[in-house]
Protein backbone atom coordinates (compact mmCIF):
# COMPACT_ATOMS: atom_id res chain seq x y z
CA UNK A 1 13.84 -6.94 -39.64
CA UNK A 2 11.51 -4.00 -39.80
CA UNK A 3 7.85 -4.72 -40.44
CA UNK A 4 6.46 -3.13 -43.55
CA UNK A 5 3.12 -1.45 -44.03
CA UNK A 6 2.55 -3.03 -47.41
CA UNK A 7 -0.92 -4.44 -46.96
CA UNK A 8 -0.46 -5.74 -43.40
CA UNK A 9 -4.01 -4.83 -42.34
CA UNK A 10 -5.47 -6.76 -45.24
CA UNK A 11 -3.08 -9.67 -44.64
CA UNK A 12 -4.19 -10.17 -41.02
CA UNK A 13 -6.97 -12.69 -40.66
CA UNK A 14 -10.12 -11.41 -39.01
CA UNK A 15 -9.79 -13.84 -36.06
CA UNK A 16 -6.36 -12.33 -35.23
CA UNK A 17 -7.53 -8.71 -35.18
CA UNK A 18 -7.88 -7.68 -31.54
CA UNK A 19 -8.07 -3.93 -32.15
CA UNK A 20 -11.66 -3.69 -30.89
CA UNK A 21 -11.05 -5.77 -27.75
CA UNK A 22 -9.63 -4.53 -24.47
CA UNK A 23 -7.67 -6.73 -22.09
CA UNK A 24 -7.77 -6.84 -18.31
CA UNK A 25 -4.49 -5.87 -16.66
CA UNK A 26 -3.32 -8.33 -14.02
CA UNK A 27 -6.06 -10.86 -14.67
CA UNK A 28 -3.76 -13.84 -14.12
CA UNK A 29 -1.08 -12.39 -11.85
CA UNK A 30 -2.10 -14.33 -8.72
CA UNK A 31 -2.11 -17.65 -10.56
CA UNK A 32 1.21 -16.77 -12.25
CA UNK A 33 2.85 -16.10 -8.89
CA UNK A 34 1.71 -19.49 -7.58
CA UNK A 35 3.45 -21.17 -10.49
CA UNK A 36 2.85 -22.12 -14.07
CA UNK A 37 3.64 -24.91 -16.47
CA UNK A 38 5.13 -24.41 -19.93
CA UNK A 39 4.91 -27.23 -22.45
CA UNK A 40 7.19 -27.07 -25.49
CA UNK A 41 6.25 -29.37 -28.34
CA UNK A 42 9.37 -30.44 -30.21
CA UNK A 43 9.59 -31.17 -33.93
CA UNK A 44 10.29 -34.85 -33.23
CA UNK A 45 6.88 -35.23 -31.56
CA UNK A 46 8.13 -35.18 -27.98
CA UNK A 47 7.05 -32.62 -25.43
CA UNK A 48 9.14 -30.93 -22.78
CA UNK A 49 7.26 -29.76 -19.69
CA UNK A 50 8.75 -27.24 -17.29
CA UNK A 51 7.19 -25.91 -14.10
CA UNK A 52 8.11 -22.39 -12.99
CA UNK A 53 7.55 -20.72 -9.64
CA UNK A 54 8.57 -17.40 -8.22
CA UNK A 55 11.74 -17.69 -6.16
CA UNK A 56 11.42 -17.49 -2.38
CA UNK A 57 11.80 -13.86 -1.34
CA UNK A 58 11.26 -12.51 -4.86
CA UNK A 59 9.16 -9.39 -5.12
CA UNK A 60 7.33 -8.24 -8.23
CA UNK A 61 7.62 -4.50 -8.80
CA UNK A 62 4.84 -2.56 -10.44
CA UNK A 63 5.84 -0.98 -13.78
CA UNK A 64 5.82 2.59 -12.43
CA UNK A 65 8.23 1.60 -9.64
CA UNK A 66 10.35 -0.66 -11.87
CA UNK A 67 11.37 2.20 -14.16
CA UNK A 68 13.36 3.75 -11.28
CA UNK A 69 15.35 0.60 -10.47
CA UNK A 70 17.47 -0.95 -13.18
CA UNK A 71 19.02 -3.69 -11.01
CA UNK A 72 18.22 -5.73 -7.90
CA UNK A 73 21.14 -3.98 -6.21
CA UNK A 74 19.46 -0.59 -6.77
CA UNK A 75 16.25 -1.85 -5.14
CA UNK A 76 18.13 -3.27 -2.15
CA UNK A 77 20.15 -0.06 -1.72
CA UNK A 78 16.97 2.06 -1.70
CA UNK A 79 15.23 -0.27 0.76
CA UNK A 80 18.25 -0.30 3.08
CA UNK A 81 18.29 3.51 3.05
CA UNK A 82 14.59 3.52 3.94
CA UNK A 83 15.13 0.98 6.73
CA UNK A 84 17.90 3.14 8.19
CA UNK A 85 15.36 5.95 8.64
CA UNK A 86 13.15 3.79 10.89
CA UNK A 87 13.67 4.31 14.62
CA UNK A 88 15.78 1.55 16.20
CA UNK A 89 12.79 0.36 18.26
CA UNK A 90 10.72 -0.31 15.13
CA UNK A 91 13.59 -2.11 13.39
CA UNK A 92 13.84 -4.56 16.29
CA UNK A 93 10.07 -5.18 16.13
CA UNK A 94 10.24 -5.80 12.38
CA UNK A 95 13.08 -8.30 12.67
CA UNK A 96 11.21 -10.16 15.43
CA UNK A 97 8.33 -10.84 13.00
CA UNK A 98 10.56 -12.83 10.64
């Protein structure tokens, strides 16, 4: 459904108007990467709690980089091409650090 402009500014309560407030980008990103808990309160009064963490080996791409890669396969292909440019000596050093 499309929102309508029929009096929406007047219909918004003052405490929900954040137009004069600026947010801080990335304020919680470190804590989010460590893991977070989501609690869903069900209609029957019970609560479901789920804990989420970032998968091992997962990498978060910045938005400007993300727009160039539509799939994980595209990211891996680009990184493999970059790795192939490294001299063989450096590739052996990199794999030894794992």
